Protein backbone atom coordinates (compact mmCIF):
# COMPACT_ATOMS: atom_id res chain seq x y z
CA MET A 1 89.06 -9.05 -12.89
CA GLU A 2 90.53 -8.46 -9.47
CA ARG A 3 88.07 -8.30 -6.64
CA ASP A 4 89.57 -5.08 -5.26
CA ALA A 5 89.04 -3.36 -8.64
CA ILE A 6 85.56 -2.58 -7.31
CA ASP A 7 85.62 -1.19 -3.79
CA PHE A 8 81.99 -1.12 -2.66
CA GLY A 9 82.84 0.69 0.55
CA SER A 10 84.79 3.76 -0.58
CA LEU A 11 84.52 4.33 -4.35
CA LYS A 12 82.15 7.15 -5.33
CA VAL A 13 78.61 5.75 -5.49
CA SER A 14 77.79 7.20 -8.91
CA VAL A 15 81.00 5.70 -10.34
CA LEU A 16 80.25 2.36 -8.70
CA PHE A 17 76.73 2.33 -10.10
CA ARG A 18 77.92 3.19 -13.61
CA ARG A 19 80.61 0.48 -13.54
CA LEU A 20 78.00 -2.09 -12.58
CA PHE A 21 75.01 -0.80 -14.54
CA ILE A 22 76.41 -0.66 -18.07
CA PRO A 23 77.64 -4.28 -18.26
CA THR A 24 74.67 -5.49 -16.21
CA LEU A 25 72.23 -3.77 -18.57
CA CYS A 26 73.96 -5.27 -21.60
CA GLY A 27 73.82 -8.69 -19.98
CA MET A 28 70.17 -8.36 -18.99
CA LEU A 29 69.13 -7.19 -22.45
CA SER A 30 71.05 -10.09 -23.95
CA ILE A 31 69.04 -12.50 -21.82
CA SER A 32 65.83 -10.95 -23.12
CA ALA A 33 67.21 -11.05 -26.66
CA VAL A 34 67.32 -14.85 -26.45
CA THR A 35 63.53 -14.99 -26.11
CA VAL A 36 62.92 -12.20 -28.61
CA ALA A 37 65.14 -13.88 -31.21
CA ASP A 38 62.95 -16.95 -30.84
CA GLY A 39 59.88 -14.79 -31.40
CA ILE A 40 61.21 -13.01 -34.48
CA PHE A 41 62.39 -16.17 -36.20
CA VAL A 42 59.31 -18.16 -35.18
CA GLY A 43 57.02 -15.34 -36.33
CA GLN A 44 58.70 -15.10 -39.72
CA GLY A 45 59.26 -18.84 -40.15
CA VAL A 46 56.14 -20.36 -38.57
CA GLY A 47 53.63 -17.51 -38.16
CA SER A 48 51.35 -16.27 -35.40
CA ASP A 49 50.56 -19.82 -34.26
CA GLY A 50 54.24 -20.33 -33.50
CA ILE A 51 54.40 -17.09 -31.51
CA ALA A 52 51.29 -18.07 -29.57
CA ALA A 53 52.73 -21.52 -28.82
CA VAL A 54 56.02 -20.16 -27.49
CA ASN A 55 54.16 -17.51 -25.50
CA ILE A 56 52.09 -20.20 -23.80
CA TYR A 57 55.29 -21.87 -22.57
CA VAL A 58 56.88 -18.63 -21.38
CA PRO A 59 54.96 -18.37 -18.04
CA LEU A 60 56.50 -21.69 -16.99
CA LEU A 61 59.93 -20.37 -17.93
CA MET A 62 59.20 -17.24 -15.89
CA VAL A 63 58.53 -19.35 -12.81
CA PHE A 64 61.96 -20.98 -13.12
CA GLN A 65 63.63 -17.65 -13.80
CA GLY A 66 61.86 -16.27 -10.75
CA MET A 67 63.24 -19.07 -8.62
CA GLY A 68 66.70 -18.32 -9.99
CA LEU A 69 66.33 -14.63 -9.21
CA MET A 70 65.01 -15.43 -5.74
CA ILE A 71 68.05 -17.54 -4.87
CA GLY A 72 70.46 -15.28 -6.77
CA ILE A 73 69.35 -12.11 -5.01
CA GLY A 74 69.11 -13.86 -1.65
CA CYS A 75 72.61 -15.33 -1.77
CA SER A 76 74.03 -12.09 -3.22
CA VAL A 77 72.58 -9.99 -0.38
CA VAL A 78 73.81 -12.43 2.27
CA ALA A 79 77.23 -12.78 0.64
CA SER A 80 77.55 -8.98 0.27
CA ILE A 81 76.97 -8.47 3.97
CA HIS A 82 79.41 -11.27 4.86
CA LEU A 83 82.06 -9.72 2.59
CA SER A 84 81.57 -6.29 4.19
CA GLN A 85 82.37 -7.98 7.52
CA SER A 86 85.37 -9.93 6.06
CA LYS A 87 83.60 -13.29 6.45
CA ILE A 88 84.83 -14.78 3.16
CA ARG A 89 84.26 -18.43 4.11
CA ALA A 90 80.64 -17.76 5.10
CA ALA A 91 80.03 -15.93 1.82
CA ARG A 92 81.44 -18.85 -0.22
CA LEU A 93 79.38 -21.32 1.77
CA ASN A 94 76.13 -19.47 1.06
CA VAL A 95 76.91 -19.26 -2.67
CA THR A 96 77.64 -22.99 -2.84
CA GLN A 97 74.48 -23.90 -0.96
CA ALA A 98 72.46 -21.74 -3.35
CA MET A 99 73.89 -23.43 -6.46
CA VAL A 100 73.34 -26.93 -5.07
CA PHE A 101 69.75 -26.09 -4.12
CA VAL A 102 68.71 -24.69 -7.51
CA THR A 103 70.34 -27.64 -9.28
CA ALA A 104 68.46 -30.23 -7.22
CA VAL A 105 65.07 -28.49 -7.40
CA THR A 106 65.31 -27.77 -11.13
CA LEU A 107 66.26 -31.33 -12.02
CA LEU A 108 63.33 -32.63 -9.98
CA LEU A 109 60.76 -30.28 -11.53
CA SER A 110 62.13 -30.70 -15.06
CA SER A 111 61.79 -34.46 -14.77
CA ALA A 112 58.14 -34.11 -13.76
CA ILE A 113 57.44 -31.81 -16.73
CA LEU A 114 59.09 -34.19 -19.19
CA LEU A 115 57.14 -37.14 -17.80
CA PHE A 116 53.80 -35.36 -18.39
CA PRO A 117 54.27 -33.04 -21.40
CA ASP A 118 50.68 -33.13 -22.67
CA ARG A 119 49.18 -32.43 -19.28
CA THR A 120 51.68 -29.62 -18.67
CA ALA A 121 50.89 -27.99 -22.03
CA VAL A 122 47.14 -28.11 -21.37
CA LEU A 123 47.59 -26.66 -17.88
CA LEU A 124 49.55 -23.80 -19.43
CA GLY A 125 46.55 -22.98 -21.61
CA ALA A 126 47.35 -24.69 -24.93
CA SER A 127 44.31 -25.12 -27.18
CA GLU A 128 43.85 -28.34 -29.16
CA HIS A 129 45.11 -26.49 -32.23
CA LEU A 130 48.30 -25.23 -30.53
CA LEU A 131 49.02 -28.32 -28.39
CA PRO A 132 51.52 -29.98 -30.80
CA LEU A 133 53.57 -26.79 -31.12
CA VAL A 134 53.57 -26.11 -27.37
CA LYS A 135 54.59 -29.71 -26.70
CA ASP A 136 57.46 -29.45 -29.20
CA TYR A 137 58.87 -26.38 -27.47
CA LEU A 138 58.39 -27.89 -24.02
CA LEU A 139 60.16 -31.17 -24.81
CA TRP A 140 63.18 -29.60 -26.47
CA PHE A 141 63.81 -26.71 -24.06
CA THR A 142 62.95 -28.10 -20.61
CA PRO A 143 66.14 -30.24 -20.31
CA ALA A 144 68.19 -27.01 -20.45
CA LEU A 145 66.40 -25.35 -17.53
CA VAL A 146 69.14 -26.34 -15.09
CA PHE A 147 71.67 -24.36 -17.16
CA GLN A 148 69.27 -21.42 -17.15
CA MET A 149 69.24 -21.57 -13.35
CA TRP A 150 73.03 -21.70 -13.13
CA THR A 151 73.11 -18.54 -15.23
CA ALA A 152 70.45 -16.79 -13.14
CA VAL A 153 72.24 -17.41 -9.84
CA GLY A 154 75.77 -17.29 -11.19
CA LEU A 155 75.52 -13.81 -12.71
CA PHE A 156 74.69 -12.27 -9.32
CA VAL A 157 77.72 -13.92 -7.75
CA ILE A 158 80.06 -13.07 -10.64
CA ARG A 159 79.16 -9.38 -10.41
CA LEU A 160 79.61 -9.40 -6.64
CA ASP A 161 82.98 -11.11 -7.09
CA GLY A 162 84.16 -8.07 -9.05
CA ALA A 163 83.70 -9.29 -12.64
CA PRO A 164 80.62 -7.52 -14.08
CA LYS A 165 82.07 -7.58 -17.61
CA LEU A 166 82.43 -11.36 -17.53
CA ALA A 167 78.81 -11.60 -16.37
CA MET A 168 77.85 -9.44 -19.35
CA TRP A 169 79.76 -11.60 -21.84
CA CYS A 170 78.23 -14.72 -20.36
CA SER A 171 74.83 -13.38 -21.44
CA VAL A 172 75.97 -11.77 -24.71
CA ILE A 173 77.64 -14.94 -26.02
CA SER A 174 74.51 -16.92 -25.21
CA ALA A 175 72.30 -14.40 -27.03
CA LEU A 176 74.48 -14.23 -30.16
CA LEU A 177 74.66 -18.01 -30.35
CA ASN A 178 70.88 -18.22 -30.01
CA VAL A 179 70.35 -15.85 -32.94
CA LEU A 180 72.68 -17.89 -35.15
CA LEU A 181 71.13 -21.22 -34.21
CA ASP A 182 67.56 -19.89 -34.50
CA TRP A 183 68.24 -18.88 -38.10
CA LEU A 184 69.95 -22.19 -38.88
CA PHE A 185 67.34 -24.47 -37.33
CA ILE A 186 64.20 -22.61 -38.46
CA PHE A 187 65.07 -21.55 -42.02
CA PRO A 188 67.74 -23.77 -43.67
CA LEU A 189 66.78 -26.88 -41.67
CA GLY A 190 63.05 -26.11 -41.38
CA TRP A 191 62.63 -27.40 -37.84
CA GLY A 192 60.03 -24.78 -36.85
CA VAL A 193 59.13 -24.37 -33.18
CA MET A 194 61.22 -27.40 -32.26
CA GLY A 195 64.25 -25.71 -33.83
CA ALA A 196 63.66 -22.52 -31.83
CA ALA A 197 63.48 -24.53 -28.61
CA PHE A 198 66.63 -26.52 -29.44
CA ALA A 199 68.52 -23.33 -30.36
CA THR A 200 67.56 -21.69 -27.07
CA ALA A 201 68.44 -24.83 -25.12
CA ILE A 202 71.94 -24.91 -26.60
CA SER A 203 72.54 -21.19 -26.07
CA VAL A 204 71.45 -21.12 -22.42
CA SER A 205 73.50 -24.26 -21.78
CA VAL A 206 76.60 -22.42 -22.99
CA GLY A 207 75.82 -19.44 -20.74
CA GLY A 208 75.20 -21.66 -17.74
CA GLY A 209 78.39 -23.58 -18.44
CA ILE A 210 80.45 -20.37 -18.46
CA ALA A 211 78.93 -19.24 -15.15
CA LEU A 212 79.60 -22.60 -13.50
CA TRP A 213 83.17 -22.68 -14.87
CA TYR A 214 83.88 -19.26 -13.37
CA LEU A 215 82.56 -20.23 -9.95
CA LEU A 216 84.55 -23.46 -9.97
CA CYS A 217 87.83 -22.28 -11.48
CA ARG A 218 88.25 -18.50 -11.69
CA ALA A 219 86.36 -16.78 -8.86
CA ARG A 220 88.52 -14.57 -6.63
CA SER A 221 86.57 -14.60 -3.37
CA LEU A 222 83.33 -16.48 -4.04
CA SER A 223 84.43 -19.78 -5.55
CA LEU A 224 82.34 -22.85 -4.79
CA CYS A 225 83.51 -24.90 -1.83
CA PRO A 226 82.89 -28.49 -0.66
CA LEU A 227 79.84 -29.09 1.52
CA LYS A 228 79.82 -31.57 4.36
CA GLY A 229 77.35 -34.43 4.18
CA SER A 230 76.51 -34.63 7.88
CA ARG A 231 73.00 -34.16 9.20
CA LYS A 232 74.07 -30.99 11.01
CA SER A 233 75.56 -29.58 7.80
CA LEU A 234 72.38 -30.40 5.89
CA ARG A 235 70.26 -28.58 8.48
CA LEU A 236 72.59 -25.57 8.26
CA SER A 237 72.37 -25.58 4.46
CA LEU A 238 68.58 -25.75 4.51
CA ARG A 239 68.44 -22.93 7.05
CA ASN A 240 70.74 -20.73 4.97
CA VAL A 241 68.91 -21.45 1.73
CA GLY A 242 65.60 -20.81 3.46
CA TYR A 243 66.85 -17.39 4.57
CA GLN A 244 68.08 -16.64 1.04
CA CYS A 245 64.65 -17.60 -0.31
CA ARG A 246 63.01 -15.34 2.24
CA ILE A 247 65.13 -12.36 1.21
CA GLY A 248 64.67 -13.01 -2.51
CA SER A 249 61.03 -14.10 -2.36
CA SER A 250 59.82 -10.80 -3.78
CA ALA A 251 62.01 -11.42 -6.86
CA LEU A 252 60.16 -14.70 -7.39
CA LEU A 253 56.93 -12.75 -7.03
CA GLY A 254 58.25 -10.30 -9.62
CA GLU A 255 58.73 -13.10 -12.14
CA ALA A 256 55.41 -14.56 -11.01
CA THR A 257 53.85 -11.20 -11.87
CA LEU A 258 55.22 -11.52 -15.41
CA ALA A 259 54.03 -15.11 -15.58
CA THR A 260 50.61 -14.03 -14.29
CA LEU A 261 50.56 -11.21 -16.82
CA MET A 262 51.24 -13.63 -19.66
CA PHE A 263 49.07 -16.51 -18.45
CA THR A 264 46.03 -14.40 -17.54
CA GLY A 265 46.48 -12.21 -20.60
CA ASN A 266 46.58 -15.29 -22.82
CA GLN A 267 43.34 -16.56 -21.30
CA VAL A 268 41.54 -13.21 -21.61
CA PHE A 269 42.73 -12.54 -25.16
CA MET A 270 41.78 -16.09 -26.17
CA ARG A 271 38.31 -15.51 -24.75
CA TYR A 272 37.75 -12.17 -26.50
CA LEU A 273 39.79 -12.46 -29.72
CA GLY A 274 40.83 -16.09 -30.15
CA ASP A 275 44.23 -17.24 -31.44
CA ASP A 276 44.90 -13.90 -33.19
CA GLY A 277 44.50 -12.10 -29.86
CA VAL A 278 46.95 -14.48 -28.19
CA GLY A 279 49.38 -13.92 -31.05
CA ALA A 280 49.09 -10.13 -30.67
CA PHE A 281 49.57 -10.31 -26.92
CA GLY A 282 52.46 -12.69 -27.51
CA ILE A 283 54.34 -9.97 -29.38
CA ALA A 284 53.91 -7.62 -26.41
CA CYS A 285 55.10 -10.40 -24.13
CA TYR A 286 58.29 -10.71 -26.14
CA TYR A 287 59.04 -7.06 -25.43
CA ILE A 288 57.96 -6.80 -21.79
CA PRO A 289 60.96 -8.88 -20.59
CA PHE A 290 63.19 -6.14 -22.03
CA VAL A 291 61.45 -3.60 -19.80
CA PHE A 292 61.63 -6.02 -16.88
CA MET A 293 65.33 -6.65 -17.48
CA VAL A 294 66.08 -2.92 -17.61
CA GLY A 295 64.46 -2.61 -14.19
CA ASN A 296 66.32 -5.69 -13.02
CA ALA A 297 69.62 -4.26 -14.28
CA ILE A 298 69.08 -1.07 -12.27
CA ALA A 299 68.07 -2.99 -9.14
CA GLN A 300 70.89 -5.53 -9.46
CA SER A 301 73.47 -2.80 -10.05
CA ALA A 302 72.36 -0.98 -6.91
CA GLN A 303 71.99 -4.16 -4.83
CA PRO A 304 75.64 -4.94 -3.98
CA ILE A 305 76.31 -1.25 -3.28
CA ILE A 306 73.31 -1.01 -0.97
CA SER A 307 73.81 -4.38 0.75
CA TYR A 308 77.54 -3.93 1.28
CA ASN A 309 77.20 -0.43 2.73
CA PHE A 310 74.16 -1.43 4.77
CA GLY A 311 76.26 -4.19 6.32
CA ALA A 312 79.05 -1.68 6.95
CA GLY A 313 76.64 0.87 8.49
CA ALA A 314 77.21 3.52 5.78
CA SER A 315 73.61 4.75 5.49
CA GLY A 316 74.55 7.87 3.51
CA ARG A 317 75.95 5.76 0.68
CA VAL A 318 72.83 3.60 0.76
CA ILE A 319 70.64 6.68 0.26
CA GLN A 320 72.83 7.91 -2.62
CA ALA A 321 72.51 4.56 -4.38
CA ARG A 322 68.74 4.61 -3.93
CA ARG A 323 68.41 8.07 -5.45
CA ILE A 324 70.55 7.19 -8.46
CA ALA A 325 68.58 3.98 -9.03
CA LEU A 326 65.20 5.74 -8.92
CA ALA A 327 66.33 8.52 -11.27
CA THR A 328 67.66 5.94 -13.72
CA ALA A 329 64.36 4.05 -13.50
CA VAL A 330 62.32 7.10 -14.50
CA VAL A 331 64.57 7.89 -17.48
CA CYS A 332 64.54 4.29 -18.73
CA GLY A 333 60.78 3.96 -18.26
CA MET A 334 60.10 7.13 -20.23
CA THR A 335 62.40 5.97 -23.02
CA ALA A 336 60.71 2.57 -23.32
CA MET A 337 57.26 4.14 -23.27
CA GLY A 338 58.25 6.57 -26.01
CA LEU A 339 59.36 3.72 -28.28
CA PHE A 340 56.07 1.85 -27.84
CA VAL A 341 53.93 4.94 -28.33
CA CYS A 342 55.80 6.32 -31.35
CA CYS A 343 56.91 3.15 -33.15
CA PRO A 344 54.34 0.34 -32.61
CA ARG A 345 54.20 -0.61 -36.30
CA ILE A 346 57.97 -0.98 -36.49
CA LEU A 347 58.14 -3.04 -33.29
CA VAL A 348 55.33 -5.36 -34.40
CA GLY A 349 56.81 -5.63 -37.90
CA PHE A 350 59.87 -7.43 -36.55
CA PHE A 351 57.61 -10.38 -35.76
CA LEU A 352 54.71 -10.39 -38.24
CA ASP A 353 53.52 -8.83 -41.47
CA THR A 354 51.79 -5.67 -40.23
CA ASP A 355 48.67 -6.40 -42.31
CA THR A 356 47.83 -9.64 -40.47
CA PRO A 357 44.97 -9.62 -37.92
CA ALA A 358 47.28 -10.37 -34.97
CA ALA A 359 49.65 -7.55 -35.96
CA LEU A 360 46.84 -5.01 -36.28
CA ILE A 361 45.58 -5.88 -32.79
CA ALA A 362 49.10 -5.45 -31.39
CA ILE A 363 49.72 -2.12 -33.15
CA GLU A 364 46.55 -0.70 -31.65
CA GLY A 365 47.30 -2.00 -28.17
CA PHE A 366 51.01 -1.20 -27.77
CA PRO A 367 50.60 2.51 -26.80
CA LEU A 368 48.05 1.54 -24.13
CA PHE A 369 50.25 -1.25 -22.80
CA ALA A 370 53.30 1.04 -22.61
CA SER A 371 51.57 3.67 -20.48
CA GLY A 372 52.59 1.78 -17.34
CA PHE A 373 56.30 1.28 -18.06
CA VAL A 374 57.58 4.07 -15.79
CA PHE A 375 55.57 2.74 -12.84
CA PHE A 376 56.61 -0.82 -13.74
CA ILE A 377 60.34 -0.05 -13.48
CA VAL A 378 60.05 2.24 -10.43
CA ASN A 379 58.17 -0.48 -8.55
CA LEU A 380 60.93 -2.98 -9.36
CA ILE A 381 63.55 -0.59 -7.96
CA VAL A 382 61.65 -0.02 -4.72
CA ILE A 383 61.21 -3.76 -4.23
CA GLY A 384 64.90 -4.36 -4.99
CA TYR A 385 65.87 -1.65 -2.52
CA TYR A 386 64.06 -3.35 0.34
CA GLN A 387 65.49 -6.74 -0.67
CA SER A 388 68.98 -5.28 -0.48
CA LEU A 389 68.30 -4.16 3.11
CA GLU A 390 66.86 -7.55 4.12
CA ARG A 391 63.46 -5.82 4.61
CA VAL A 392 61.48 -8.83 3.49
CA ARG A 393 58.02 -7.69 4.60
CA ALA A 394 58.04 -4.46 2.61
CA ALA A 395 59.50 -6.05 -0.52
CA THR A 396 57.06 -8.95 -0.43
CA THR A 397 54.04 -6.70 0.22
CA PHE A 398 54.74 -4.50 -2.79
CA ALA A 399 55.54 -7.51 -4.99
CA LEU A 400 52.26 -9.20 -4.08
CA LEU A 401 50.35 -5.98 -4.61
CA ARG A 402 51.56 -5.41 -8.18
CA GLY A 403 50.96 -9.04 -9.08
CA PHE A 404 48.22 -11.24 -7.76
CA VAL A 405 46.34 -8.64 -5.72
CA LEU A 406 45.83 -6.05 -8.46
CA LEU A 407 46.81 -7.54 -11.84
CA VAL A 408 44.38 -10.45 -12.03
CA PRO A 409 41.31 -8.39 -11.02
CA ALA A 410 42.35 -5.72 -13.53
CA PHE A 411 42.47 -8.32 -16.31
CA LEU A 412 39.06 -9.66 -15.36
CA LEU A 413 37.23 -6.37 -14.76
CA LEU A 414 38.67 -3.79 -17.18
CA PRO A 415 37.54 -5.57 -20.39
CA ARG A 416 33.96 -5.37 -19.13
CA VAL A 417 34.31 -1.60 -18.79
CA ALA A 418 36.64 -0.64 -21.65
CA GLY A 419 36.45 -3.61 -24.02
CA ILE A 420 39.66 -4.77 -25.72
CA SER A 421 41.47 -1.61 -24.61
CA GLY A 422 40.82 -2.69 -21.03
CA ILE A 423 42.89 -5.85 -21.52
CA TRP A 424 45.88 -3.79 -22.65
CA LEU A 425 45.42 -1.37 -19.72
CA ALA A 426 45.33 -4.05 -17.00
CA MET A 427 49.08 -4.03 -16.38
CA PRO A 428 49.44 -0.21 -16.42
CA LEU A 429 46.59 0.17 -13.92
CA SER A 430 48.01 -2.41 -11.49
CA GLU A 431 51.47 -0.80 -11.63
CA LEU A 432 50.01 2.71 -11.18
CA LEU A 433 48.03 1.64 -8.13
CA THR A 434 51.06 -0.09 -6.63
CA CYS A 435 53.15 3.04 -7.18
CA ALA A 436 50.42 5.08 -5.48
CA VAL A 437 50.55 2.80 -2.43
CA ILE A 438 54.34 3.17 -2.33
CA ALA A 439 53.94 6.95 -2.49
CA VAL A 440 51.56 6.82 0.47
CA PHE A 441 54.14 4.83 2.43
CA TYR A 442 56.79 7.32 1.37
CA ASN A 443 54.76 10.20 2.78
CA LEU A 444 53.85 8.31 5.94
CA ARG A 445 57.45 7.33 6.61
CA ARG A 446 58.92 10.56 5.15
CA GLY A 447 61.09 8.58 2.76
CA PHE A 448 62.29 5.03 2.39
CA GLY A 449 64.07 5.03 5.72
CA LEU A 450 66.31 2.14 6.74
CA ARG A 451 64.09 1.56 9.76
CA PHE A 452 61.06 0.40 7.73
CA SER A 453 60.46 -3.33 8.11
């Protein structure tokens, strides 16, 4: 797709947002479908123990995805502003530095995980009973994490380069391949959790390969470029990557919030309800990335519009993009909540027989869990808005608030007050309180003005 097919500076904002949002949403949902396909096939082929085992590994995956989002958003914001000022070479340089950084860091961390698989599984919360299954998933999927990171960063750049449909197909092809391989490895071949991990590893490797191929061979403006090996060049690269990390740090905190949700929820459910509780919560954790990705799709669709026009000084277009993003967030949040409230038995039935103990716990808890979805998505949009404006302090403050500051205490305290229902309500309460704080700031500042820092 030609770069000038999407003119971020003059095309009507609503048209721009729609052109970006539809393929971005499809791509984001496809990414979530990779994990959910694992859950459905593992649930039907292995049972609730398999779901619990995969769910224990997911927080680690969320940390890596968060790092990918952090760098992806950071380099996309910086590159957008450079492009709005016709600094093509600087934009390409920042993209290349981002890809090199995530590759090096991921290879280093993956090697450490593979050297100590048992210790890693135990640190993630695996019980003695679940340890073999968690270790199987860890050993077979971890080598593919570098491809996952290429996808995470690459999709931001591909969309900014004017090819949102290619970014969508990069995710869709990966998801479809994962479904096919999950079925093949788990049922005909009988490989269980190991098969699910291997299927996911292959599928994300294909997606990452497509993203890297585009950046190397087909990109219009943002193709990768050679980096100098001098000490001065290295210092410049580290400075640029550090700034990208600073801008995107709240995205890492967003993924860390999901990881905290899953990790802390696993611990609390294990304490109160044992392995069946973890299995029930695991089903919810297969669906929550869909809600997260919907919010991400809205934020990522608005991001290049906001960043580009912010760099060009077009504040009116920035405000239009913000309003459209927030309205879309409310509609999507209400839709997701309605599905969880009205159809919990159907949603749980995709994973487990609805008469099993884990399924019954999940069916009862889903409506409570879904009560926070509107606030969840709105908070993501507000954080993404400030990221797009390089307002790091505001974005980071709200990201910390909805995660570590409020979520963990809610998980620890609410069960003492409301029993099992309190565990399900921990996330909704933390998101509601964060949204209330944002509303206070809104009233104090009389809107999300560009001047807030």
